[in-house]
Amino acid sequence: MYVKIIIEQYPDGFVACPVGLRRIVVAEGDTREGALADVKSAIDFHIETFGPSELNPDDDPVLDVFVAETSLAI
């Protein structure tokens, strides 16, 4: 099974978030690889805790992920 992961870089490290889980799972690390390893562990724990039904069903997979930017009136 494959899960798409968004990895964001910040001045103090990296944050990883999987796409397609019904609840939010976020992980962090000092490197991209560290954040990816941490999010894999978090996903495993998430599935063990809540069950595989928390994943998107096979008939409704996440096909693509993209990053968009918009302006805010603040």
N, C-alpha and C. Protein backbone atom coordinates (compact mmCIF):
# COMPACT_ATOMS: atom_id res chain seq x y z
N MET A 1 0.84 -1.18 0.00
CA MET A 1 0.00 0.00 0.00
C MET A 1 0.88 1.24 0.00
N TYR A 2 0.46 2.23 -0.76
CA TYR A 2 1.21 3.48 -0.83
C TYR A 2 0.34 4.61 -0.31
N VAL A 3 0.98 5.56 0.39
CA VAL A 3 0.31 6.74 0.92
C VAL A 3 1.11 7.95 0.46
N LYS A 4 0.43 8.96 -0.05
CA LYS A 4 1.10 10.20 -0.42
C LYS A 4 1.39 11.00 0.85
N ILE A 5 2.56 11.59 0.91
CA ILE A 5 3.00 12.34 2.08
C ILE A 5 3.38 13.75 1.65
N ILE A 6 2.90 14.74 2.37
CA ILE A 6 3.33 16.13 2.17
C ILE A 6 4.40 16.41 3.20
N ILE A 7 5.55 16.90 2.76
CA ILE A 7 6.64 17.25 3.67
C ILE A 7 6.92 18.74 3.50
N GLU A 8 6.82 19.48 4.59
CA GLU A 8 7.08 20.91 4.58
C GLU A 8 8.39 21.19 5.31
N GLN A 9 9.16 22.13 4.79
CA GLN A 9 10.42 22.50 5.43
C GLN A 9 10.25 23.84 6.12
N TYR A 10 10.68 23.90 7.37
CA TYR A 10 10.66 25.11 8.18
C TYR A 10 12.09 25.39 8.65
N PRO A 11 12.36 26.59 9.17
CA PRO A 11 13.71 26.90 9.63
C PRO A 11 14.25 25.92 10.67
N ASP A 12 13.34 25.35 11.48
CA ASP A 12 13.80 24.46 12.56
C ASP A 12 13.56 22.98 12.29
N GLY A 13 13.21 22.62 11.05
CA GLY A 13 13.03 21.20 10.73
C GLY A 13 11.95 20.96 9.69
N PHE A 14 11.49 19.73 9.64
CA PHE A 14 10.53 19.30 8.63
C PHE A 14 9.28 18.74 9.30
N VAL A 15 8.13 18.94 8.65
CA VAL A 15 6.86 18.40 9.12
C VAL A 15 6.27 17.57 7.99
N ALA A 16 5.78 16.37 8.32
CA ALA A 16 5.22 15.47 7.32
C ALA A 16 3.77 15.16 7.68
N CYS A 17 2.91 15.12 6.67
CA CYS A 17 1.49 14.84 6.88
C CYS A 17 1.01 13.93 5.75
N PRO A 18 0.41 12.79 6.06
CA PRO A 18 -0.09 11.91 5.02
C PRO A 18 -1.41 12.42 4.44
N VAL A 19 -1.63 12.13 3.19
CA VAL A 19 -2.86 12.48 2.50
C VAL A 19 -3.75 11.24 2.47
N GLY A 20 -5.02 11.41 2.75
CA GLY A 20 -5.95 10.30 2.60
C GLY A 20 -6.34 9.59 3.88
N LEU A 21 -5.84 10.03 5.01
CA LEU A 21 -6.29 9.45 6.27
C LEU A 21 -7.48 10.25 6.76
N ARG A 22 -8.39 9.60 7.42
CA ARG A 22 -9.62 10.26 7.87
C ARG A 22 -9.38 11.17 9.07
N ARG A 23 -8.32 10.97 9.78
CA ARG A 23 -7.94 11.84 10.88
C ARG A 23 -6.53 12.36 10.61
N ILE A 24 -6.16 13.42 11.26
CA ILE A 24 -4.86 14.03 10.98
C ILE A 24 -3.74 13.28 11.68
N VAL A 25 -2.68 13.01 10.95
CA VAL A 25 -1.46 12.44 11.49
C VAL A 25 -0.32 13.35 11.03
N VAL A 26 0.42 13.90 11.97
CA VAL A 26 1.52 14.80 11.64
C VAL A 26 2.77 14.28 12.33
N ALA A 27 3.89 14.40 11.66
CA ALA A 27 5.16 13.96 12.22
C ALA A 27 6.21 15.02 11.92
N GLU A 28 7.33 14.94 12.61
CA GLU A 28 8.38 15.92 12.37
C GLU A 28 9.75 15.27 12.46
N GLY A 29 10.74 15.98 11.93
CA GLY A 29 12.11 15.49 11.99
C GLY A 29 13.08 16.59 11.64
N ASP A 30 14.34 16.36 11.94
CA ASP A 30 15.38 17.33 11.61
C ASP A 30 15.72 17.31 10.13
N THR A 31 15.40 16.19 9.46
CA THR A 31 15.66 16.04 8.03
C THR A 31 14.39 15.54 7.35
N ARG A 32 14.35 15.59 6.02
CA ARG A 32 13.22 15.03 5.28
C ARG A 32 13.07 13.54 5.60
N GLU A 33 14.19 12.85 5.60
CA GLU A 33 14.17 11.41 5.87
C GLU A 33 13.66 11.12 7.28
N GLY A 34 14.07 11.96 8.24
CA GLY A 34 13.62 11.79 9.61
C GLY A 34 12.12 12.02 9.75
N ALA A 35 11.61 13.04 9.08
CA ALA A 35 10.17 13.32 9.11
C ALA A 35 9.40 12.19 8.44
N LEU A 36 9.93 11.66 7.33
CA LEU A 36 9.28 10.56 6.63
C LEU A 36 9.24 9.30 7.49
N ALA A 37 10.35 8.99 8.16
CA ALA A 37 10.39 7.82 9.04
C ALA A 37 9.40 8.00 10.20
N ASP A 38 9.33 9.22 10.74
CA ASP A 38 8.42 9.48 11.85
C ASP A 38 6.96 9.36 11.42
N VAL A 39 6.63 9.86 10.22
CA VAL A 39 5.24 9.77 9.76
C VAL A 39 4.86 8.33 9.43
N LYS A 40 5.80 7.54 8.93
CA LYS A 40 5.50 6.11 8.69
C LYS A 40 5.15 5.43 10.00
N SER A 41 5.90 5.72 11.04
CA SER A 41 5.63 5.15 12.36
C SER A 41 4.28 5.63 12.88
N ALA A 42 3.98 6.91 12.69
CA ALA A 42 2.70 7.47 13.15
C ALA A 42 1.52 6.84 12.40
N ILE A 43 1.69 6.60 11.11
CA ILE A 43 0.62 5.96 10.32
C ILE A 43 0.38 4.54 10.83
N ASP A 44 1.45 3.80 11.06
CA ASP A 44 1.31 2.44 11.60
C ASP A 44 0.55 2.45 12.92
N PHE A 45 0.91 3.37 13.81
CA PHE A 45 0.23 3.48 15.09
C PHE A 45 -1.24 3.86 14.91
N HIS A 46 -1.50 4.79 13.99
CA HIS A 46 -2.85 5.25 13.69
C HIS A 46 -3.73 4.09 13.23
N ILE A 47 -3.20 3.26 12.33
CA ILE A 47 -3.96 2.11 11.82
C ILE A 47 -4.17 1.08 12.92
N GLU A 48 -3.14 0.83 13.74
CA GLU A 48 -3.28 -0.11 14.85
C GLU A 48 -4.35 0.37 15.85
N THR A 49 -4.41 1.69 16.05
CA THR A 49 -5.33 2.26 17.03
C THR A 49 -6.77 2.34 16.51
N PHE A 50 -6.93 2.85 15.29
CA PHE A 50 -8.27 3.11 14.77
C PHE A 50 -8.73 2.09 13.73
N GLY A 51 -7.82 1.25 13.25
CA GLY A 51 -8.18 0.24 12.26
C GLY A 51 -7.97 0.73 10.84
N PRO A 52 -7.91 -0.20 9.90
CA PRO A 52 -7.65 0.14 8.50
C PRO A 52 -8.80 0.91 7.85
N SER A 53 -9.96 0.97 8.48
CA SER A 53 -11.07 1.71 7.90
C SER A 53 -10.78 3.22 7.87
N GLU A 54 -9.76 3.65 8.61
CA GLU A 54 -9.39 5.06 8.60
C GLU A 54 -8.72 5.48 7.30
N LEU A 55 -8.26 4.52 6.53
CA LEU A 55 -7.65 4.82 5.24
C LEU A 55 -8.75 5.02 4.20
N ASN A 56 -8.42 5.74 3.15
CA ASN A 56 -9.38 5.88 2.07
C ASN A 56 -9.68 4.52 1.47
N PRO A 57 -10.92 4.23 1.18
CA PRO A 57 -11.22 2.95 0.53
C PRO A 57 -10.62 2.89 -0.87
N ASP A 58 -10.37 1.67 -1.34
CA ASP A 58 -9.75 1.48 -2.65
C ASP A 58 -10.57 2.09 -3.78
N ASP A 59 -11.88 2.18 -3.61
CA ASP A 59 -12.70 2.75 -4.68
C ASP A 59 -12.74 4.28 -4.64
N ASP A 60 -12.05 4.89 -3.69
CA ASP A 60 -11.99 6.35 -3.59
C ASP A 60 -10.57 6.80 -3.24
N PRO A 61 -9.57 6.41 -4.05
CA PRO A 61 -8.18 6.74 -3.71
C PRO A 61 -7.85 8.21 -3.98
N VAL A 62 -6.85 8.71 -3.28
CA VAL A 62 -6.32 10.03 -3.57
C VAL A 62 -5.47 9.88 -4.82
N LEU A 63 -5.83 10.57 -5.88
CA LEU A 63 -5.13 10.42 -7.15
C LEU A 63 -3.95 11.37 -7.30
N ASP A 64 -4.06 12.56 -6.71
CA ASP A 64 -3.00 13.53 -6.89
C ASP A 64 -3.08 14.53 -5.75
N VAL A 65 -1.97 15.18 -5.48
CA VAL A 65 -1.89 16.21 -4.46
C VAL A 65 -1.12 17.37 -5.07
N PHE A 66 -1.59 18.57 -4.83
CA PHE A 66 -0.84 19.72 -5.31
C PHE A 66 -0.89 20.82 -4.26
N VAL A 67 0.02 21.77 -4.37
CA VAL A 67 0.09 22.89 -3.45
C VAL A 67 -0.38 24.13 -4.20
N ALA A 68 -1.32 24.84 -3.62
CA ALA A 68 -1.83 26.07 -4.23
C ALA A 68 -1.61 27.22 -3.26
N GLU A 69 -1.59 28.40 -3.78
CA GLU A 69 -1.42 29.59 -2.96
C GLU A 69 -2.58 30.54 -3.25
N THR A 70 -3.07 31.19 -2.21
CA THR A 70 -4.14 32.17 -2.38
C THR A 70 -3.88 33.34 -1.45
N SER A 71 -4.52 34.44 -1.70
CA SER A 71 -4.35 35.61 -0.84
C SER A 71 -5.47 35.66 0.19
N LEU A 72 -5.16 36.24 1.32
CA LEU A 72 -6.13 36.41 2.39
C LEU A 72 -6.30 37.90 2.68
N ALA A 73 -7.51 38.30 2.97
CA ALA A 73 -7.78 39.70 3.30
C ALA A 73 -7.67 39.88 4.80
N ILE A 74 -6.42 40.02 5.28
CA ILE A 74 -6.22 40.23 6.72
C ILE A 74 -5.43 41.49 6.96
